[in-house]
Amino acid sequence: MSYNDKERLKYMRNVRRQQVEQKNKRYHLILMTFGILFTIYLTVTLIMGDNGLIRYLELKETRDRLSAENQVLDQHNSSIKNEIEVVERDPSMIEERAREYGFTKDGELVYKFEDND
C-alpha cells in the first residue's frame, strides 16, 4: 500500500464517519421533534380534551351547584313534612287551611261584600 492509498483510505474513513455522524444527528433531531410534539399533544389533551382539566372543573362546578340545590330542596321537603305532620295531628289546623281556600262547613252561609270604593 502506498502513501497515497493510505491517505485516500484515511480520507474515506473520515468522510464515512462524518456521514454517520450527520445521519445520527438527523435521527436525534427527528426523535426530539416527535418527542416535543407528543409532549405538546399530551399537554393540550390533558387540559382541553373531552376528559381534560377544563371539563373536570366544569363538572366539579356543576356538581357543587347541584349539591347546594339538593340541600335547599331537602330543607324545603323537611319543612313540608313537618307541616303535614302538624296538620294531620291537629284538626283545627285542617279547618283553618280549608277556610283559607274558601271551603265552608255544611249549613254555613258565606256573605261576600263588594267594596264600593
C-alpha atoms as a PDB file:
ATOM      1  CA  MET A   1       0.000   0.000   0.000  1.00  0.00           C
ATOM      2  CA  SER A   2       1.409   3.326  -0.973  1.00  0.00           C
ATOM      3  CA  TYR A   3       1.305   6.595   0.889  1.00  0.00           C
ATOM      4  CA  ASN A   4      -1.462   7.937  -1.380  1.00  0.00           C
ATOM      5  CA  ASP A   5      -3.541   4.830  -0.798  1.00  0.00           C
ATOM      6  CA  LYS A   6      -3.214   5.246   2.965  1.00  0.00           C
ATOM      7  CA  GLU A   7      -4.166   8.908   2.767  1.00  0.00           C
ATOM      8  CA  ARG A   8      -7.075   8.106   0.493  1.00  0.00           C
ATOM      9  CA  LEU A   9      -8.255   5.368   2.887  1.00  0.00           C
ATOM     10  CA  LYS A  10      -7.945   7.749   5.828  1.00  0.00           C
ATOM     11  CA  TYR A  11      -9.890  10.405   3.924  1.00  0.00           C
ATOM     12  CA  MET A  12     -12.645   7.888   3.068  1.00  0.00           C
ATOM     13  CA  ARG A  13     -12.916   6.825   6.709  1.00  0.00           C
ATOM     14  CA  ASN A  14     -13.287  10.479   7.754  1.00  0.00           C
ATOM     15  CA  VAL A  15     -15.947  11.056   5.102  1.00  0.00           C
ATOM     16  CA  ARG A  16     -17.819   7.926   6.197  1.00  0.00           C
ATOM     17  CA  ARG A  17     -17.553   8.951   9.876  1.00  0.00           C
ATOM     18  CA  GLN A  18     -18.959  12.399   9.044  1.00  0.00           C
ATOM     19  CA  GLN A  19     -21.816  10.802   7.099  1.00  0.00           C
ATOM     20  CA  VAL A  20     -22.642   8.525  10.047  1.00  0.00           C
ATOM     21  CA  GLU A  21     -22.482  11.466  12.470  1.00  0.00           C
ATOM     22  CA  GLN A  22     -24.789  13.547  10.255  1.00  0.00           C
ATOM     23  CA  LYS A  23     -27.194  10.626   9.980  1.00  0.00           C
ATOM     24  CA  ASN A  24     -27.152  10.228  13.766  1.00  0.00           C
ATOM     25  CA  LYS A  25     -27.746  13.973  14.238  1.00  0.00           C
ATOM     26  CA  ARG A  26     -30.740  13.863  11.848  1.00  0.00           C
ATOM     27  CA  TYR A  27     -32.104  10.798  13.655  1.00  0.00           C
ATOM     28  CA  HIS A  28     -31.768  12.519  17.053  1.00  0.00           C
ATOM     29  CA  LEU A  29     -33.305  15.733  15.701  1.00  0.00           C
ATOM     30  CA  ILE A  30     -36.298  13.821  14.304  1.00  0.00           C
ATOM     31  CA  LEU A  31     -36.646  11.866  17.529  1.00  0.00           C
ATOM     32  CA  MET A  32     -36.512  15.057  19.621  1.00  0.00           C
ATOM     33  CA  THR A  33     -39.038  16.764  17.341  1.00  0.00           C
ATOM     34  CA  PHE A  34     -41.505  13.871  17.685  1.00  0.00           C
ATOM     35  CA  GLY A  35     -40.914  13.813  21.439  1.00  0.00           C
ATOM     36  CA  ILE A  36     -41.626  17.528  21.777  1.00  0.00           C
ATOM     37  CA  LEU A  37     -44.712  17.313  19.545  1.00  0.00           C
ATOM     38  CA  PHE A  38     -46.008  14.325  21.518  1.00  0.00           C
ATOM     39  CA  THR A  39     -45.469  16.202  24.788  1.00  0.00           C
ATOM     40  CA  ILE A  40     -47.337  19.225  23.425  1.00  0.00           C
ATOM     41  CA  TYR A  41     -50.171  16.969  22.225  1.00  0.00           C
ATOM     42  CA  LEU A  42     -50.463  15.289  25.636  1.00  0.00           C
ATOM     43  CA  THR A  43     -50.451  18.628  27.433  1.00  0.00           C
ATOM     44  CA  VAL A  44     -53.159  20.085  25.210  1.00  0.00           C
ATOM     45  CA  THR A  45     -55.235  16.900  25.505  1.00  0.00           C
ATOM     46  CA  LEU A  46     -54.937  16.831  29.292  1.00  0.00           C
ATOM     47  CA  ILE A  47     -56.013  20.453  29.563  1.00  0.00           C
ATOM     48  CA  MET A  48     -58.588  20.860  26.789  1.00  0.00           C
ATOM     49  CA  GLY A  49     -59.663  17.341  25.819  1.00  0.00           C
ATOM     50  CA  ASP A  50     -63.059  15.705  26.382  1.00  0.00           C
ATOM     51  CA  ASN A  51     -61.906  14.456  29.772  1.00  0.00           C
ATOM     52  CA  GLY A  52     -59.385  17.225  30.348  1.00  0.00           C
ATOM     53  CA  LEU A  53     -58.828  19.659  33.165  1.00  0.00           C
ATOM     54  CA  ILE A  54     -61.276  22.258  31.857  1.00  0.00           C
ATOM     55  CA  ARG A  55     -64.063  19.679  31.567  1.00  0.00           C
ATOM     56  CA  TYR A  56     -63.228  18.384  35.045  1.00  0.00           C
ATOM     57  CA  LEU A  57     -63.513  21.876  36.524  1.00  0.00           C
ATOM     58  CA  GLU A  58     -66.846  22.452  34.749  1.00  0.00           C
ATOM     59  CA  LEU A  59     -68.220  19.159  36.055  1.00  0.00           C
ATOM     60  CA  LYS A  60     -66.971  19.900  39.561  1.00  0.00           C
ATOM     61  CA  GLU A  61     -68.691  23.297  39.499  1.00  0.00           C
ATOM     62  CA  THR A  62     -71.931  21.693  38.265  1.00  0.00           C
ATOM     63  CA  ARG A  63     -71.715  19.027  40.973  1.00  0.00           C
ATOM     64  CA  ASP A  64     -71.227  21.660  43.679  1.00  0.00           C
ATOM     65  CA  ARG A  65     -74.143  23.731  42.370  1.00  0.00           C
ATOM     66  CA  LEU A  66     -76.435  20.700  42.224  1.00  0.00           C
ATOM     67  CA  SER A  67     -75.364  19.643  45.704  1.00  0.00           C
ATOM     68  CA  ALA A  68     -76.311  23.077  47.051  1.00  0.00           C
ATOM     69  CA  GLU A  69     -79.674  22.890  45.256  1.00  0.00           C
ATOM     70  CA  ASN A  70     -80.255  19.434  46.757  1.00  0.00           C
ATOM     71  CA  GLN A  71     -79.613  20.778  50.253  1.00  0.00           C
ATOM     72  CA  VAL A  72     -82.122  23.587  49.702  1.00  0.00           C
ATOM     73  CA  LEU A  73     -84.705  21.118  48.378  1.00  0.00           C
ATOM     74  CA  ASP A  74     -84.069  18.746  51.303  1.00  0.00           C
ATOM     75  CA  GLN A  75     -84.705  21.592  53.746  1.00  0.00           C
ATOM     76  CA  HIS A  76     -87.877  22.558  51.867  1.00  0.00           C
ATOM     77  CA  ASN A  77     -89.085  18.940  51.882  1.00  0.00           C
ATOM     78  CA  SER A  78     -88.346  18.677  55.582  1.00  0.00           C
ATOM     79  CA  SER A  79     -90.394  21.791  56.363  1.00  0.00           C
ATOM     80  CA  ILE A  80     -93.297  20.494  54.237  1.00  0.00           C
ATOM     81  CA  LYS A  81     -93.189  17.125  56.045  1.00  0.00           C
ATOM     82  CA  ASN A  82     -93.277  18.923  59.404  1.00  0.00           C
ATOM     83  CA  GLU A  83     -96.249  20.995  58.254  1.00  0.00           C
ATOM     84  CA  ILE A  84     -98.071  17.840  57.085  1.00  0.00           C
ATOM     85  CA  GLU A  85     -97.472  16.178  60.459  1.00  0.00           C
ATOM     86  CA  VAL A  86     -98.832  19.230  62.294  1.00  0.00           C
ATOM     87  CA  VAL A  87    -101.931  19.362  60.077  1.00  0.00           C
ATOM     88  CA  GLU A  88    -102.561  15.617  60.462  1.00  0.00           C
ATOM     89  CA  ARG A  89    -102.377  15.836  64.282  1.00  0.00           C
ATOM     90  CA  ASP A  90    -104.457  18.998  64.749  1.00  0.00           C
ATOM     91  CA  PRO A  91    -107.997  19.045  63.233  1.00  0.00           C
ATOM     92  CA  SER A  92    -108.306  22.784  63.853  1.00  0.00           C
ATOM     93  CA  MET A  93    -105.347  23.314  61.504  1.00  0.00           C
ATOM     94  CA  ILE A  94    -107.185  21.364  58.802  1.00  0.00           C
ATOM     95  CA  GLU A  95    -110.219  23.594  59.251  1.00  0.00           C
ATOM     96  CA  GLU A  96    -108.066  26.727  59.185  1.00  0.00           C
ATOM     97  CA  ARG A  97    -106.387  25.656  55.957  1.00  0.00           C
ATOM     98  CA  ALA A  98    -109.711  24.744  54.366  1.00  0.00           C
ATOM     99  CA  ARG A  99    -111.165  28.172  55.206  1.00  0.00           C
ATOM    100  CA  GLU A 100    -108.094  29.844  53.652  1.00  0.00           C
ATOM    101  CA  TYR A 101    -109.051  28.156  50.383  1.00  0.00           C
ATOM    102  CA  GLY A 102    -112.724  29.143  50.637  1.00  0.00           C
ATOM    103  CA  PHE A 103    -114.268  25.924  51.949  1.00  0.00           C
ATOM    104  CA  THR A 104    -117.194  26.003  54.410  1.00  0.00           C
ATOM    105  CA  LYS A 105    -118.924  23.591  56.744  1.00  0.00           C
ATOM    106  CA  ASP A 106    -122.309  22.148  55.878  1.00  0.00           C
ATOM    107  CA  GLY A 107    -125.038  24.630  56.708  1.00  0.00           C
ATOM    108  CA  GLU A 108    -122.742  27.690  56.909  1.00  0.00           C
ATOM    109  CA  LEU A 109    -123.561  30.766  54.907  1.00  0.00           C
ATOM    110  CA  VAL A 110    -120.888  32.889  53.335  1.00  0.00           C
ATOM    111  CA  TYR A 111    -121.507  36.564  52.829  1.00  0.00           C
ATOM    112  CA  LYS A 112    -119.466  38.434  50.256  1.00  0.00           C
ATOM    113  CA  PHE A 113    -119.498  42.178  50.272  1.00  0.00           C
ATOM    114  CA  GLU A 114    -118.475  44.329  47.367  1.00  0.00           C
ATOM    115  CA  ASP A 115    -116.218  47.233  48.016  1.00  0.00           C
ATOM    116  CA  ASN A 116    -117.807  50.421  46.599  1.00  0.00           C
ATOM    117  CA  ASP A 117    -114.575  52.367  46.545  1.00  0.00           C
END
